[in-house]
C-alpha atoms as a PDB file:
ATOM      1  CA  MET A   1      12.061   4.506  21.410  1.00  0.00           C
ATOM      2  CA  LYS A   2      12.351   6.035  24.957  1.00  0.00           C
ATOM      3  CA  LYS A   3      15.443   8.186  25.454  1.00  0.00           C
ATOM      4  CA  ALA A   4      14.761   9.564  28.968  1.00  0.00           C
ATOM      5  CA  ILE A   5      13.166   8.585  32.199  1.00  0.00           C
ATOM      6  CA  ILE A   6      11.418  11.301  34.371  1.00  0.00           C
ATOM      7  CA  PHE A   7      11.397  10.474  38.059  1.00  0.00           C
ATOM      8  CA  ASP A   8       9.028  11.755  40.725  1.00  0.00           C
ATOM      9  CA  MET A   9      10.781  11.895  44.089  1.00  0.00           C
ATOM     10  CA  ASP A  10       8.516  11.506  47.189  1.00  0.00           C
ATOM     11  CA  GLY A  11       6.800   8.167  47.320  1.00  0.00           C
ATOM     12  CA  LEU A  12       8.548   7.001  44.135  1.00  0.00           C
ATOM     13  CA  MET A  13      12.256   7.052  44.925  1.00  0.00           C
ATOM     14  CA  ILE A  14      12.038   8.156  48.554  1.00  0.00           C
ATOM     15  CA  ASP A  15       9.906   6.237  51.065  1.00  0.00           C
ATOM     16  CA  SER A  16       8.891   9.488  52.536  1.00  0.00           C
ATOM     17  CA  GLU A  17       5.060   9.129  52.553  1.00  0.00           C
ATOM     18  CA  ARG A  18       4.792   7.011  55.558  1.00  0.00           C
ATOM     19  CA  VAL A  19       7.250   9.334  57.471  1.00  0.00           C
ATOM     20  CA  THR A  20       5.194  12.331  56.407  1.00  0.00           C
ATOM     21  CA  TYR A  21       1.983  10.664  57.501  1.00  0.00           C
ATOM     22  CA  GLU A  22       3.467   9.980  60.934  1.00  0.00           C
ATOM     23  CA  GLU A  23       4.401  13.600  61.309  1.00  0.00           C
ATOM     24  CA  TYR A  24       0.880  14.788  60.327  1.00  0.00           C
ATOM     25  CA  CYS A  25      -0.618  12.362  62.862  1.00  0.00           C
ATOM     26  CA  ARG A  26       1.736  13.748  65.573  1.00  0.00           C
ATOM     27  CA  LYS A  27       0.785  17.369  64.799  1.00  0.00           C
ATOM     28  CA  LEU A  28      -2.910  16.902  64.357  1.00  0.00           C
ATOM     29  CA  GLU A  29      -3.120  14.909  67.600  1.00  0.00           C
ATOM     30  CA  GLN A  30      -1.492  17.774  69.426  1.00  0.00           C
ATOM     31  CA  LEU A  31      -4.148  20.119  68.096  1.00  0.00           C
ATOM     32  CA  GLU A  32      -6.914  17.547  68.794  1.00  0.00           C
ATOM     33  CA  TYR A  33      -7.981  16.969  65.196  1.00  0.00           C
ATOM     34  CA  HIS A  34      -8.845  13.553  63.887  1.00  0.00           C
ATOM     35  CA  PHE A  35      -6.538  12.538  60.937  1.00  0.00           C
ATOM     36  CA  ASP A  36      -6.278   9.271  59.155  1.00  0.00           C
ATOM     37  CA  GLU A  37      -4.716   7.619  56.059  1.00  0.00           C
ATOM     38  CA  ASN A  38      -7.831   8.377  53.925  1.00  0.00           C
ATOM     39  CA  MET A  39      -7.349  12.126  54.650  1.00  0.00           C
ATOM     40  CA  TYR A  40      -3.640  11.886  53.941  1.00  0.00           C
ATOM     41  CA  ARG A  41      -4.112  10.047  50.661  1.00  0.00           C
ATOM     42  CA  ARG A  42      -6.131  13.046  49.358  1.00  0.00           C
ATOM     43  CA  CYS A  43      -2.944  15.094  49.749  1.00  0.00           C
ATOM     44  CA  LEU A  44      -0.566  12.793  47.899  1.00  0.00           C
ATOM     45  CA  GLY A  45       1.079  14.161  44.749  1.00  0.00           C
ATOM     46  CA  LYS A  46      -0.311  17.665  45.262  1.00  0.00           C
ATOM     47  CA  ASN A  47       1.649  20.953  45.604  1.00  0.00           C
ATOM     48  CA  LYS A  48       1.670  23.028  48.749  1.00  0.00           C
ATOM     49  CA  GLN A  49      -1.240  25.241  47.827  1.00  0.00           C
ATOM     50  CA  SER A  50      -3.449  22.267  46.851  1.00  0.00           C
ATOM     51  CA  VAL A  51      -2.544  20.503  50.106  1.00  0.00           C
ATOM     52  CA  TYR A  52      -3.562  23.607  52.040  1.00  0.00           C
ATOM     53  CA  GLN A  53      -6.962  23.580  50.192  1.00  0.00           C
ATOM     54  CA  VAL A  54      -7.499  19.937  51.149  1.00  0.00           C
ATOM     55  CA  PHE A  55      -7.199  20.706  54.847  1.00  0.00           C
ATOM     56  CA  ILE A  56      -9.265  23.907  54.615  1.00  0.00           C
ATOM     57  CA  ASP A  57     -12.027  22.155  52.731  1.00  0.00           C
ATOM     58  CA  HIS A  58     -12.079  19.384  55.300  1.00  0.00           C
ATOM     59  CA  TYR A  59     -11.530  21.282  58.685  1.00  0.00           C
ATOM     60  CA  GLY A  60     -12.733  24.798  57.820  1.00  0.00           C
ATOM     61  CA  GLU A  61     -11.361  28.258  57.224  1.00  0.00           C
ATOM     62  CA  ASP A  62     -10.121  28.529  60.832  1.00  0.00           C
ATOM     63  CA  PHE A  63      -7.825  25.473  60.588  1.00  0.00           C
ATOM     64  CA  PRO A  64      -4.163  26.583  61.322  1.00  0.00           C
ATOM     65  CA  ILE A  65      -2.797  25.063  58.128  1.00  0.00           C
ATOM     66  CA  THR A  66       0.281  27.283  57.932  1.00  0.00           C
ATOM     67  CA  GLU A  67       1.331  26.221  61.439  1.00  0.00           C
ATOM     68  CA  VAL A  68       0.607  22.561  60.676  1.00  0.00           C
ATOM     69  CA  TRP A  69       2.481  22.640  57.307  1.00  0.00           C
ATOM     70  CA  ASN A  70       5.567  24.335  58.761  1.00  0.00           C
ATOM     71  CA  ASP A  71       5.790  22.113  61.887  1.00  0.00           C
ATOM     72  CA  VAL A  72       5.226  18.976  59.849  1.00  0.00           C
ATOM     73  CA  HIS A  73       7.811  19.777  57.253  1.00  0.00           C
ATOM     74  CA  VAL A  74      10.486  21.089  59.635  1.00  0.00           C
ATOM     75  CA  SER A  75      10.234  17.804  61.587  1.00  0.00           C
ATOM     76  CA  LEU A  76      10.141  15.751  58.396  1.00  0.00           C
ATOM     77  CA  ASP A  77      13.135  17.403  56.916  1.00  0.00           C
ATOM     78  CA  HIS A  78      15.024  16.912  60.156  1.00  0.00           C
ATOM     79  CA  ARG A  79      14.253  13.271  59.953  1.00  0.00           C
ATOM     80  CA  LEU A  80      15.248  12.974  56.275  1.00  0.00           C
ATOM     81  CA  GLN A  81      18.543  14.733  56.946  1.00  0.00           C
ATOM     82  CA  GLN A  82      19.414  12.101  59.454  1.00  0.00           C
ATOM     83  CA  SER A  83      18.302   9.165  57.262  1.00  0.00           C
ATOM     84  CA  VAL A  84      16.583   9.007  53.863  1.00  0.00           C
ATOM     85  CA  PRO A  85      14.506   5.789  53.460  1.00  0.00           C
ATOM     86  CA  LEU A  86      14.901   4.690  49.812  1.00  0.00           C
ATOM     87  CA  LYS A  87      12.504   2.496  47.820  1.00  0.00           C
ATOM     88  CA  THR A  88      13.474  -1.021  46.698  1.00  0.00           C
ATOM     89  CA  GLY A  89      15.298  -1.036  43.409  1.00  0.00           C
ATOM     90  CA  ILE A  90      16.234   2.553  43.107  1.00  0.00           C
ATOM     91  CA  PHE A  91      20.041   1.986  42.859  1.00  0.00           C
ATOM     92  CA  GLU A  92      19.612  -0.897  40.521  1.00  0.00           C
ATOM     93  CA  LEU A  93      17.388   1.113  38.239  1.00  0.00           C
ATOM     94  CA  LEU A  94      19.543   4.246  38.232  1.00  0.00           C
ATOM     95  CA  THR A  95      22.608   2.093  37.461  1.00  0.00           C
ATOM     96  CA  PHE A  96      20.827   0.325  34.645  1.00  0.00           C
ATOM     97  CA  LEU A  97      19.747   3.586  33.046  1.00  0.00           C
ATOM     98  CA  LYS A  98      23.237   5.040  33.099  1.00  0.00           C
ATOM     99  CA  GLU A  99      24.765   1.925  31.743  1.00  0.00           C
ATOM    100  CA  ASN A 100      22.346   1.893  28.857  1.00  0.00           C
ATOM    101  CA  GLY A 101      22.534   5.509  27.843  1.00  0.00           C
ATOM    102  CA  TYR A 102      19.183   6.929  29.187  1.00  0.00           C
ATOM    103  CA  LYS A 103      18.790  10.529  30.163  1.00  0.00           C
ATOM    104  CA  THR A 104      17.356  11.066  33.610  1.00  0.00           C
ATOM    105  CA  ILE A 105      15.595  13.894  35.404  1.00  0.00           C
ATOM    106  CA  VAL A 106      13.851  14.398  38.686  1.00  0.00           C
ATOM    107  CA  ALA A 107      10.525  16.323  38.411  1.00  0.00           C
ATOM    108  CA  THR A 108       9.179  16.894  41.953  1.00  0.00           C
ATOM    109  CA  SER A 109       6.543  18.942  43.466  1.00  0.00           C
ATOM    110  CA  SER A 110       8.993  19.758  46.293  1.00  0.00           C
ATOM    111  CA  SER A 111      10.990  22.977  46.463  1.00  0.00           C
ATOM    112  CA  ARG A 112      14.465  23.266  44.963  1.00  0.00           C
ATOM    113  CA  ALA A 113      15.967  23.573  48.475  1.00  0.00           C
ATOM    114  CA  ARG A 114      14.173  20.525  49.786  1.00  0.00           C
ATOM    115  CA  ALA A 115      14.895  18.409  46.634  1.00  0.00           C
ATOM    116  CA  ASN A 116      18.598  19.212  46.703  1.00  0.00           C
ATOM    117  CA  MET A 117      18.743  18.343  50.411  1.00  0.00           C
ATOM    118  CA  ILE A 118      17.060  14.915  49.955  1.00  0.00           C
ATOM    119  CA  LEU A 119      18.902  13.949  46.884  1.00  0.00           C
ATOM    120  CA  GLN A 120      22.187  14.718  48.516  1.00  0.00           C
ATOM    121  CA  ALA A 121      21.359  13.042  51.794  1.00  0.00           C
ATOM    122  CA  ALA A 122      20.287  10.028  49.848  1.00  0.00           C
ATOM    123  CA  ASN A 123      23.487  10.085  47.757  1.00  0.00           C
ATOM    124  CA  ILE A 124      21.587   9.654  44.470  1.00  0.00           C
ATOM    125  CA  GLY A 125      21.748  13.229  43.036  1.00  0.00           C
ATOM    126  CA  HIS A 126      24.719  12.387  40.857  1.00  0.00           C
ATOM    127  CA  TYR A 127      22.770   9.850  38.838  1.00  0.00           C
ATOM    128  CA  PHE A 128      20.562  12.462  37.284  1.00  0.00           C
ATOM    129  CA  ASP A 129      21.252  14.775  34.351  1.00  0.00           C
ATOM    130  CA  ASP A 130      18.871  17.521  35.737  1.00  0.00           C
ATOM    131  CA  THR A 131      16.103  18.448  38.133  1.00  0.00           C
ATOM    132  CA  ILE A 132      12.923  20.436  37.914  1.00  0.00           C
ATOM    133  CA  CYS A 133      11.087  21.408  41.119  1.00  0.00           C
ATOM    134  CA  GLY A 134       7.724  22.601  42.118  1.00  0.00           C
ATOM    135  CA  ASP A 135       8.774  26.204  42.931  1.00  0.00           C
ATOM    136  CA  GLU A 136      10.147  26.499  39.313  1.00  0.00           C
ATOM    137  CA  VAL A 137       6.874  25.968  37.472  1.00  0.00           C
ATOM    138  CA  ARG A 138       3.700  28.026  37.389  1.00  0.00           C
ATOM    139  CA  ASN A 139       1.366  25.081  37.572  1.00  0.00           C
ATOM    140  CA  GLY A 140       1.735  22.029  39.736  1.00  0.00           C
ATOM    141  CA  LYS A 141       0.591  18.453  39.134  1.00  0.00           C
ATOM    142  CA  PRO A 142      -1.976  17.391  37.918  1.00  0.00           C
ATOM    143  CA  ASN A 143      -1.065  20.110  35.285  1.00  0.00           C
ATOM    144  CA  PRO A 144       1.549  18.584  32.931  1.00  0.00           C
ATOM    145  CA  GLU A 145       3.800  21.694  32.991  1.00  0.00           C
ATOM    146  CA  ILE A 146       6.535  20.107  35.128  1.00  0.00           C
ATOM    147  CA  PHE A 147       6.900  17.018  32.947  1.00  0.00           C
ATOM    148  CA  LEU A 148       6.769  19.076  29.705  1.00  0.00           C
ATOM    149  CA  THR A 149       9.471  21.375  31.181  1.00  0.00           C
ATOM    150  CA  ALA A 150      11.587  18.235  32.113  1.00  0.00           C
ATOM    151  CA  CYS A 151      11.435  17.184  28.477  1.00  0.00           C
ATOM    152  CA  GLU A 152      12.561  20.634  27.250  1.00  0.00           C
ATOM    153  CA  LYS A 153      15.435  20.575  29.737  1.00  0.00           C
ATOM    154  CA  LEU A 154      16.562  17.228  28.337  1.00  0.00           C
ATOM    155  CA  GLY A 155      15.953  18.173  24.784  1.00  0.00           C
ATOM    156  CA  ILE A 156      13.572  15.393  24.049  1.00  0.00           C
ATOM    157  CA  THR A 157       9.996  15.130  22.867  1.00  0.00           C
ATOM    158  CA  PRO A 158       7.135  13.820  25.122  1.00  0.00           C
ATOM    159  CA  GLU A 159       6.983  10.731  23.072  1.00  0.00           C
ATOM    160  CA  GLU A 160      10.655  10.027  23.856  1.00  0.00           C
ATOM    161  CA  ALA A 161      10.068  10.221  27.656  1.00  0.00           C
ATOM    162  CA  LEU A 162       8.762   7.748  30.283  1.00  0.00           C
ATOM    163  CA  VAL A 163       7.445   9.087  33.565  1.00  0.00           C
ATOM    164  CA  LEU A 164       7.736   7.028  36.795  1.00  0.00           C
ATOM    165  CA  GLU A 165       5.075   8.111  39.302  1.00  0.00           C
ATOM    166  CA  ASP A 166       3.296   6.820  42.375  1.00  0.00           C
ATOM    167  CA  SER A 167       0.400   9.350  42.645  1.00  0.00           C
ATOM    168  CA  GLU A 168      -2.802   9.885  40.833  1.00  0.00           C
ATOM    169  CA  ALA A 169      -1.991  13.647  40.347  1.00  0.00           C
ATOM    170  CA  GLY A 170       1.233  12.559  38.757  1.00  0.00           C
ATOM    171  CA  ILE A 171      -0.300  10.077  36.520  1.00  0.00           C
ATOM    172  CA  THR A 172      -2.820  12.725  35.453  1.00  0.00           C
ATOM    173  CA  ALA A 173      -0.062  15.215  34.688  1.00  0.00           C
ATOM    174  CA  ALA A 174       1.882  12.765  32.571  1.00  0.00           C
ATOM    175  CA  HIS A 175      -1.154  11.591  30.687  1.00  0.00           C
ATOM    176  CA  ALA A 176      -2.158  15.226  30.001  1.00  0.00           C
ATOM    177  CA  GLY A 177       1.288  15.882  28.577  1.00  0.00           C
ATOM    178  CA  ASN A 178       1.012  12.818  26.172  1.00  0.00           C
ATOM    179  CA  ILE A 179       3.917  11.201  28.118  1.00  0.00           C
ATOM    180  CA  ASP A 180       3.797   7.405  28.872  1.00  0.00           C
ATOM    181  CA  VAL A 181       3.694   6.731  32.632  1.00  0.00           C
ATOM    182  CA  ILE A 182       4.458   3.699  34.731  1.00  0.00           C
ATOM    183  CA  CYS A 183       3.039   3.802  38.206  1.00  0.00           C
ATOM    184  CA  VAL A 184       4.769   2.267  41.198  1.00  0.00           C
ATOM    185  CA  PRO A 185       2.149   2.754  43.994  1.00  0.00           C
ATOM    186  CA  ASP A 186       3.011   3.737  47.474  1.00  0.00           C
ATOM    187  CA  MET A 187       0.368   4.226  50.138  1.00  0.00           C
ATOM    188  CA  LYS A 188      -2.428   4.501  47.640  1.00  0.00           C
ATOM    189  CA  TYR A 189      -3.173   2.207  44.637  1.00  0.00           C
ATOM    190  CA  PRO A 190      -4.622   4.319  41.844  1.00  0.00           C
ATOM    191  CA  GLU A 191      -8.316   4.227  41.243  1.00  0.00           C
ATOM    192  CA  GLU A 192      -9.368   2.712  37.830  1.00  0.00           C
ATOM    193  CA  GLU A 193      -9.898   6.292  36.403  1.00  0.00           C
ATOM    194  CA  PHE A 194      -6.169   6.928  36.870  1.00  0.00           C
ATOM    195  CA  ALA A 195      -4.969   3.343  36.403  1.00  0.00           C
ATOM    196  CA  SER A 196      -6.339   3.332  32.858  1.00  0.00           C
ATOM    197  CA  LYS A 197      -4.080   6.278  32.014  1.00  0.00           C
ATOM    198  CA  THR A 198      -0.922   4.369  32.785  1.00  0.00           C
ATOM    199  CA  LEU A 199       1.275   2.278  30.543  1.00  0.00           C
ATOM    200  CA  LYS A 200       1.371  -0.337  33.412  1.00  0.00           C
ATOM    201  CA  ILE A 201       1.370  -0.569  37.231  1.00  0.00           C
ATOM    202  CA  VAL A 202       4.237  -2.364  38.825  1.00  0.00           C
ATOM    203  CA  ASP A 203       5.212  -3.520  42.320  1.00  0.00           C
ATOM    204  CA  SER A 204       8.636  -1.883  42.513  1.00  0.00           C
ATOM    205  CA  LEU A 205      11.314  -0.128  40.583  1.00  0.00           C
ATOM    206  CA  LEU A 206      12.977  -3.355  39.795  1.00  0.00           C
ATOM    207  CA  ASP A 207      10.024  -4.167  37.564  1.00  0.00           C
ATOM    208  CA  VAL A 208      10.858  -0.988  35.495  1.00  0.00           C
ATOM    209  CA  ILE A 209      14.197  -2.462  34.531  1.00  0.00           C
ATOM    210  CA  GLU A 210      12.331  -5.583  33.203  1.00  0.00           C
ATOM    211  CA  HIS A 211      10.028  -3.329  31.209  1.00  0.00           C
ATOM    212  CA  LEU A 212      12.897  -1.497  29.629  1.00  0.00           C
ATOM    213  CA  LYS A 213      14.954  -4.517  28.673  1.00  0.00           C
END
């Protein structure tokens, strides 16, 4: 029986991937580099260092990745402070989980400062029992460390947890930690290699409620 639900943040609860993509497009156009959704999808679910590597591998060692990362994320966070776009069903799911006694935790690749800012701006932080962030673990997704740490923080076993993820890296991390995972895809539907590692793939967070009933 599942006792706890582990939530990814970006792309799962927060409809931030499209906004982030728009900011990368803006910055890369300024620098006269070609950038498209296929390139962006390669970055989804990865931590900062892994994203850096995606850009360097694609554009070369001289690519100004630090400038791009800083500019994009300053602009992105400014937009999110003004308005946080939430995914369909997030309030209904969080309310259902509280009413039915599930423990809840956010496990995000984002930094502690960024996660706190977004959760507060979105007015959903109070729904969660705890959070674990990317700058608080040694190994980012697709390593399972962040999800296994989330289980430890909640005092549950991996078998008692269910991860909700949108990215292939997150799916891989949950599977590697022997934790069941439901995927709610955002901009990228998982390839079969990753889809096969999920409990199921659903259209929205509302479908998670039906699964748990």
